[in-house]
Protein backbone atom coordinates (compact mmCIF):
# COMPACT_ATOMS: atom_id res chain seq x y z
CA MET A 1 28.19 11.95 -1.89
CA SER A 2 27.28 14.21 -4.79
CA LEU A 3 24.56 16.75 -4.01
CA ASN A 4 24.29 18.28 -7.49
CA ILE A 5 22.75 21.51 -6.21
CA ILE A 6 25.18 23.96 -7.85
CA CYS A 7 23.53 23.96 -11.26
CA VAL A 8 19.95 23.81 -10.12
CA PRO A 9 18.97 25.02 -6.63
CA GLU A 10 15.44 23.74 -6.06
CA PHE A 11 14.03 25.75 -3.17
CA ALA A 12 10.99 25.54 -0.92
CA SER A 13 9.94 27.00 2.40
CA ASN A 14 7.79 26.10 5.37
CA ALA A 15 5.74 29.14 6.30
CA ARG A 16 4.76 27.78 9.74
CA SER A 17 8.25 26.92 10.98
CA GLY A 18 10.08 29.64 9.08
CA GLN A 19 12.67 27.10 7.87
CA PHE A 20 13.88 26.66 4.30
CA PHE A 21 14.50 23.59 2.17
CA PHE A 22 16.87 23.03 -0.72
CA TYR A 23 16.70 19.89 -2.84
CA SER A 24 19.48 18.36 -4.88
CA HIS A 25 18.55 18.16 -8.54
CA ASP A 26 18.69 14.37 -8.57
CA GLY A 27 16.12 14.29 -5.76
CA ARG A 28 18.27 12.15 -3.46
CA TYR A 29 19.15 14.73 -0.83
CA MET A 30 17.56 17.66 0.96
CA ILE A 31 19.12 20.54 2.87
CA LYS A 32 16.99 22.05 5.64
CA THR A 33 17.75 24.98 7.89
CA LEU A 34 17.41 24.39 11.64
CA THR A 35 16.81 26.56 14.66
CA TYR A 36 19.52 26.63 17.32
CA THR A 37 17.22 24.64 19.63
CA GLU A 38 16.76 21.92 17.00
CA SER A 39 20.48 21.67 16.30
CA LYS A 40 21.27 21.42 20.01
CA PHE A 41 18.58 18.77 20.52
CA LEU A 42 19.91 16.69 17.63
CA ARG A 43 23.38 16.70 19.15
CA GLU A 44 21.92 15.50 22.44
CA ILE A 45 20.00 12.58 20.96
CA LEU A 46 22.61 11.66 18.35
CA PRO A 47 24.05 8.62 20.22
CA TYR A 48 20.57 7.16 20.71
CA TYR A 49 19.63 7.94 17.11
CA TYR A 50 22.75 6.20 15.82
CA ARG A 51 22.14 3.11 17.91
CA HIS A 52 18.54 2.94 16.70
CA LEU A 53 19.59 3.08 13.04
CA SER A 54 22.26 0.48 13.73
CA ARG A 55 19.77 -1.91 15.27
CA TYR A 56 17.01 -1.20 12.74
CA PRO A 57 18.69 -0.45 9.38
CA HIS A 58 15.29 -0.29 7.64
CA THR A 59 13.81 2.27 10.02
CA PHE A 60 11.43 4.88 8.63
CA LEU A 61 13.14 7.69 10.55
CA THR A 62 14.74 10.48 8.56
CA HIS A 63 18.34 9.64 7.62
CA PHE A 64 20.61 12.51 8.64
CA TYR A 65 23.94 12.75 6.82
CA GLY A 66 25.50 15.85 8.33
CA MET A 67 24.78 19.01 10.33
CA TYR A 68 26.62 22.28 9.76
CA ARG A 69 26.79 25.85 11.00
CA VAL A 70 27.64 28.85 8.84
CA CYS A 71 28.68 32.21 10.27
CA MET A 72 27.70 35.20 8.08
CA PRO A 73 29.88 38.26 8.80
CA HIS A 74 27.79 40.50 6.54
CA LEU A 75 24.77 39.84 8.80
CA ASN A 76 26.43 40.74 12.10
CA ASN A 77 27.94 37.24 12.38
CA LYS A 78 24.53 35.61 12.38
CA ARG A 79 24.80 31.83 12.55
CA LEU A 80 22.80 29.60 10.25
CA HIS A 81 22.34 25.94 11.15
CA PHE A 82 21.39 23.44 8.47
CA ILE A 83 21.28 19.70 7.97
CA ILE A 84 21.69 17.37 5.01
CA MET A 85 19.32 14.42 4.94
CA LYS A 86 18.09 11.68 2.65
CA SER A 87 15.01 12.47 0.60
CA VAL A 88 12.00 10.23 1.22
CA PHE A 89 11.33 10.17 -2.51
CA SER A 90 14.77 9.05 -3.67
CA THR A 91 13.47 7.37 -6.81
CA GLU A 92 13.05 7.98 -10.52
CA LYS A 93 9.41 6.92 -10.31
CA LYS A 94 6.89 9.72 -10.70
CA ILE A 95 5.18 10.54 -7.41
CA ASP A 96 1.51 10.97 -8.26
CA ARG A 97 0.12 11.70 -4.77
CA VAL A 98 1.67 12.89 -1.51
CA TRP A 99 0.20 12.83 2.01
CA ASP A 100 1.54 14.21 5.29
CA LEU A 101 -0.01 12.09 8.07
CA LYS A 102 0.12 12.81 11.80
CA GLY A 103 -2.87 10.86 13.10
CA SER A 104 -4.76 13.97 14.28
CA ARG A 105 -7.80 15.69 12.79
CA LEU A 106 -7.90 19.32 13.91
CA GLY A 107 -6.55 21.48 11.08
CA ARG A 108 -5.46 18.40 9.16
CA LYS A 109 -7.17 19.13 5.85
CA SER A 110 -5.27 20.61 2.92
CA ASN A 111 -6.35 23.75 1.11
CA PRO A 112 -7.52 23.64 -2.52
CA GLY A 113 -4.50 23.51 -4.80
CA ASP A 114 -2.07 22.20 -2.17
CA SER A 115 0.30 19.57 -3.51
CA VAL A 116 0.45 17.71 -0.19
CA ALA A 117 -2.72 16.19 1.27
CA LYS A 118 -3.28 15.52 4.98
CA ASP A 119 -5.06 13.19 7.38
CA LEU A 120 -8.65 14.22 6.69
CA ASP A 121 -8.00 14.11 2.95
CA ILE A 122 -6.89 10.48 2.95
CA LEU A 123 -9.87 9.54 5.12
CA GLU A 124 -12.35 11.33 2.85
CA GLU A 125 -10.82 9.65 -0.20
CA GLY A 126 -11.22 6.25 1.43
CA ARG A 127 -7.66 5.51 0.39
CA ARG A 128 -6.31 2.14 1.55
CA LEU A 129 -2.72 0.95 1.20
CA LYS A 130 -2.70 -2.62 -0.07
CA PHE A 131 0.70 -4.26 0.32
CA ALA A 132 1.22 -6.93 -2.31
CA ARG A 133 4.12 -8.85 -0.80
CA PRO A 134 3.19 -11.43 1.87
CA GLY A 135 4.25 -10.34 5.33
CA ALA A 136 4.96 -6.76 4.25
CA LYS A 137 2.01 -5.28 6.17
CA ASP A 138 3.01 -6.85 9.51
CA ALA A 139 6.67 -5.89 9.04
CA PHE A 140 5.69 -2.34 8.06
CA LEU A 141 3.46 -1.78 11.10
CA GLU A 142 5.96 -3.39 13.48
CA GLN A 143 8.76 -1.08 12.30
CA LEU A 144 6.39 1.87 12.60
CA ARG A 145 5.64 0.88 16.22
CA VAL A 146 9.34 0.49 17.03
CA ASP A 147 10.13 3.93 15.58
CA ALA A 148 7.21 5.62 17.37
CA THR A 149 8.20 4.02 20.68
CA PHE A 150 11.78 5.20 20.24
CA LEU A 151 10.65 8.78 19.57
CA ALA A 152 8.31 8.72 22.56
CA ARG A 153 11.14 7.66 24.88
CA LEU A 154 13.13 10.68 23.70
CA GLY A 155 10.16 12.99 24.36
CA ILE A 156 9.59 13.69 20.65
CA MET A 157 6.22 14.44 19.10
CA ASP A 158 4.62 16.37 16.22
CA TYR A 159 6.34 14.22 13.58
CA SER A 160 4.51 12.84 10.56
CA LEU A 161 4.65 10.09 7.97
CA LEU A 162 5.39 11.53 4.55
CA LEU A 163 3.72 9.14 2.12
CA GLY A 164 4.08 9.23 -1.65
CA MET A 165 2.33 7.01 -4.17
CA HIS A 166 3.34 6.05 -7.70
CA SER A 167 0.51 4.67 -9.84
CA CYS A 168 1.69 2.00 -12.27
CA LYS A 169 0.29 2.51 -15.75
CA GLU A 170 0.36 -1.24 -16.31
CA ASN A 171 0.35 -4.08 -13.83
CA ILE A 172 3.80 -5.41 -12.98
CA ASP A 173 3.99 -9.11 -12.20
CA LEU A 174 6.79 -9.87 -9.77
CA PRO A 175 7.99 -13.16 -8.27
CA SER A 176 6.72 -13.58 -4.72
CA THR A 177 10.03 -14.81 -3.28
CA ASP A 178 12.00 -12.63 -0.88
CA SER A 179 14.98 -12.56 -3.24
CA ALA A 180 13.01 -11.00 -6.05
CA THR A 181 13.98 -7.51 -7.11
CA ASN A 182 12.34 -4.98 -9.31
CA GLN A 183 14.45 -4.74 -12.43
CA ASP A 184 13.21 -1.28 -13.26
CA ALA A 185 14.39 -0.02 -9.88
CA ASP A 186 17.74 -1.79 -10.11
CA LYS A 187 18.70 -0.77 -13.61
CA ASN A 188 20.27 2.46 -12.34
CA ASP A 189 21.67 1.01 -9.12
CA GLY A 190 24.89 2.81 -8.27
CA GLU A 191 24.24 5.60 -10.75
CA GLU A 192 22.95 9.10 -10.19
CA PRO A 193 19.26 9.38 -11.12
CA CYS A 194 18.98 11.47 -14.25
CA ARG A 195 15.69 13.11 -13.27
CA SER A 196 14.70 15.13 -10.25
CA ASN A 197 11.80 14.05 -8.05
CA THR A 198 11.40 17.15 -5.93
CA PRO A 199 8.39 19.34 -5.07
CA PHE A 200 9.60 21.83 -7.68
CA ARG A 201 9.42 19.30 -10.49
CA ARG A 202 6.14 17.81 -9.32
CA ASP A 203 4.56 21.25 -9.10
CA VAL A 204 5.75 22.26 -12.57
CA LEU A 205 4.49 19.04 -14.13
CA LYS A 206 1.17 19.33 -12.30
CA ARG A 207 0.58 22.83 -13.62
CA ALA A 208 1.69 21.82 -17.10
CA VAL A 209 -0.63 18.83 -17.27
CA THR A 210 -3.74 20.10 -15.49
CA GLY A 211 -3.93 23.85 -15.50
CA GLY A 212 -1.99 25.64 -18.17
CA THR A 213 -2.37 26.44 -21.80
CA ALA A 214 -0.38 24.58 -24.42
CA THR A 215 2.29 27.26 -24.22
CA THR A 216 2.55 26.96 -20.44
CA ALA A 217 2.78 23.20 -20.61
CA ASN A 218 5.45 23.24 -23.29
CA ASP A 219 7.45 25.85 -21.39
CA GLY A 220 7.22 23.78 -18.22
CA PHE A 221 8.36 20.55 -19.82
CA GLN A 222 11.09 22.34 -21.79
CA ALA A 223 12.42 23.93 -18.59
CA LEU A 224 12.66 20.52 -16.93
CA GLU A 225 14.38 19.03 -19.95
CA ASP A 226 16.94 21.86 -19.85
CA LEU A 227 17.61 21.14 -16.17
CA ASP A 228 18.11 17.45 -16.86
CA GLN A 229 20.53 18.17 -19.70
CA LYS A 230 22.58 20.53 -17.52
CA ILE A 231 22.92 18.06 -14.68
CA ALA A 232 23.63 15.17 -17.06
CA PHE A 233 26.43 17.21 -18.67
CA LYS A 234 27.87 18.11 -15.27
CA SER A 235 27.78 14.49 -14.11
CA LYS A 236 29.47 13.29 -17.30
CA THR A 237 32.30 15.81 -17.20
CA THR A 238 33.05 15.21 -13.50
CA SER A 239 32.60 11.45 -13.29
CA GLN A 240 36.28 10.64 -13.81
CA SER A 241 37.49 13.04 -11.13
CA GLU A 242 34.83 11.82 -8.69
CA THR A 243 35.93 8.23 -9.31
CA LYS A 244 39.53 9.12 -8.50
CA VAL A 245 38.52 10.88 -5.28
CA LYS A 246 36.34 7.94 -4.18
CA LYS A 247 39.21 5.52 -4.85
CA MET A 248 41.62 7.68 -2.86
CA LEU A 249 39.22 7.86 0.10
CA LEU A 250 38.62 4.11 -0.07
CA ASP A 251 42.37 3.43 -0.02
CA GLN A 252 42.82 5.70 3.00
CA THR A 253 39.95 4.02 4.81
CA THR A 254 41.43 0.58 4.14
CA LEU A 255 44.83 1.61 5.46
CA THR A 256 43.48 3.02 8.71
CA SER A 257 40.58 0.66 9.42
CA SER A 258 42.62 -1.85 11.39
CA SER A 259 44.16 0.75 13.68
CA LEU A 260 40.83 2.48 14.27
CA SER A 261 39.03 -0.76 15.08
CA ASN A 262 41.46 -1.43 17.92
CA GLY A 263 40.25 1.73 19.66
CA LEU A 264 36.55 0.90 19.40
CA SER A 265 34.59 -0.83 22.10
CA SER A 266 33.22 -4.23 21.19
CA GLU A 267 29.80 -2.85 22.15
CA THR A 268 29.91 -0.04 19.59
CA PRO A 269 27.04 -0.65 17.13
CA GLN A 270 27.93 -0.87 13.48
CA LEU A 271 25.63 0.21 10.68
CA ASN A 272 24.65 -2.81 8.60
CA SER A 273 22.84 -2.16 5.32
CA SER A 274 23.18 -5.79 4.15
CA VAL A 275 20.30 -7.03 6.33
CA VAL A 276 17.39 -8.24 4.21
CA ASN A 277 14.52 -5.76 4.21
CA PRO A 278 11.33 -7.64 5.24
CA ILE A 279 9.11 -4.94 3.78
CA THR A 280 10.43 -4.54 0.25
CA SER A 281 13.14 -5.82 -2.06
CA ARG A 282 13.23 -2.74 -4.29
CA ALA A 283 16.49 -0.85 -4.57
CA ASP A 284 14.65 2.47 -4.17
CA GLU A 285 12.87 1.11 -1.04
CA GLY A 286 9.44 1.52 -2.58
CA ILE A 287 6.74 -0.80 -1.22
CA GLU A 288 4.73 -2.62 -3.87
CA GLY A 289 0.98 -2.31 -3.54
CA GLY A 290 -1.42 -4.66 -5.30
CA VAL A 291 -2.69 -8.23 -5.05
CA GLN A 292 -1.16 -11.69 -5.09
CA LEU A 293 -2.41 -13.78 -8.00
CA ALA A 294 -3.35 -17.46 -7.88
CA ASP A 295 -0.12 -18.52 -9.59
CA GLY A 296 1.97 -16.91 -6.82
CA THR A 297 3.00 -13.79 -8.74
CA LEU A 298 2.31 -10.27 -7.55
CA SER A 299 0.27 -7.85 -9.59
CA VAL A 300 1.65 -4.45 -8.62
CA LYS A 301 -0.65 -1.48 -9.23
CA GLU A 302 0.92 1.09 -6.88
CA ILE A 303 4.30 1.73 -5.27
CA TYR A 304 4.50 3.54 -1.93
CA TYR A 305 7.41 5.62 -0.64
CA CYS A 306 7.35 6.78 2.96
CA GLY A 307 9.42 8.09 5.83
CA ILE A 308 8.95 9.69 9.26
CA ILE A 309 9.94 13.36 9.07
CA ASP A 310 10.21 16.34 11.45
CA ILE A 311 11.61 14.30 14.35
CA LEU A 312 13.30 17.15 16.23
CA GLN A 313 10.32 18.57 18.13
CA TYR A 314 10.72 17.97 21.86
CA TYR A 315 7.63 18.12 24.07
CA ASN A 316 8.78 21.27 25.87
CA ALA A 317 6.98 23.83 28.02
CA ARG A 318 5.63 25.67 24.98
CA LYS A 319 4.10 22.48 23.58
CA ILE A 320 2.68 21.52 26.97
CA GLY A 321 1.05 24.93 27.17
CA GLU A 322 -0.38 24.47 23.67
CA THR A 323 -1.91 21.17 24.76
CA VAL A 324 -3.55 22.76 27.79
CA ILE A 325 -4.94 25.69 25.79
CA LYS A 326 -6.44 23.51 23.06
CA GLN A 327 -7.97 21.13 25.59
CA ALA A 328 -9.43 24.09 27.49
CA ALA A 329 -11.05 25.20 24.23
CA GLY A 330 -13.01 21.96 24.19
CA ASN A 331 -10.89 20.00 21.72
CA SER A 332 -10.40 16.28 22.21
CA THR A 333 -6.91 14.81 22.57
CA ASP A 334 -7.86 12.51 19.70
CA ASP A 335 -8.20 15.51 17.41
CA ILE A 336 -5.41 17.93 18.35
CA SER A 337 -1.89 17.36 17.10
CA CYS A 338 -0.12 18.61 20.23
CA VAL A 339 -0.29 15.84 22.86
CA ASP A 340 2.30 14.11 25.03
CA PRO A 341 4.82 11.91 23.16
CA GLU A 342 3.46 8.57 24.36
CA SER A 343 -0.12 9.41 23.40
CA TYR A 344 1.09 10.90 20.14
CA GLY A 345 3.00 7.76 19.17
CA LYS A 346 0.13 5.39 19.94
CA ARG A 347 -2.37 7.52 18.03
CA PHE A 348 0.05 7.88 15.12
CA VAL A 349 0.52 4.12 14.75
CA LYS A 350 -3.22 3.46 15.16
CA PHE A 351 -4.11 5.94 12.41
CA ILE A 352 -1.61 4.50 9.93
CA SER A 353 -2.78 0.96 10.81
CA ASN A 354 -6.33 1.95 9.89
CA VAL A 355 -5.36 2.98 6.35
CA VAL A 356 -3.33 -0.17 5.64
CA ASP A 357 -4.95 -3.39 4.38
């Protein structure tokens, strides 16, 4: 796994949680700092999380790749917990719009200039997700229900669906069979994406296109081109060594696989990524949005990328108290974000169902 964050650290922060985010330049991975409580909770639910991903390989839950702890002697041995996860927008397609959807209404409107819209924004826009592929809507909503039910059983709430949309400049006609694949998405299969798709890049391009002078725009695009050239050079010069390392690891895995399998229980779930995805056939897991034409082809006008994020918030005493306080202030449980996990999950699925055609 190549993170490609040495040359270009793309950084962001969450002012509410106090946590920090670092994105790999290729946009495939994200590093997020965790509180001690979050790291402990993840360790507790890890067996259940693993079994869920094994049973539902196309789940929308965040894909965690590793959790680490760093001790910093120069800060009185302060410990920093962080996690590496898969980016929701692991694609070379340009993400034109982004929404963070929880299913609540109170405080769920973005401020002017924010790059991420929220629940009230998508309702005011009248935005509807139109899945082009037959059966994709039902499969999408069913997986969403399964994931929400799983989180509710673990006592988790306050998560959201991070939804990104790519607008196709021209209609793309795709075969309607399940075996069809998007050639544009597959052309770089197995290769590192050459362009970043992180909030940093999207923000720079947005300012360059909409707000700045010609000088600002040129500087913004030139800066991104310089970043791409640096990472492309790094990838080219290290590709041979990475190939050797991967081959060595593969050989070691092959030699020890038989002995390890003898020690595993027959009931141990195994991750299976070869199961056909009923929602999309794209390599980047984007969901085609559009209409089915009379001749059986699909006219794709939009591509959606989504994932359930922030899944480490347990409904603890602090959250229960927040629920009580907001209800005492006269707020409805349909409007406030902080409700019990079961109610949260049902409301979450209902809201997303109402914006999907």
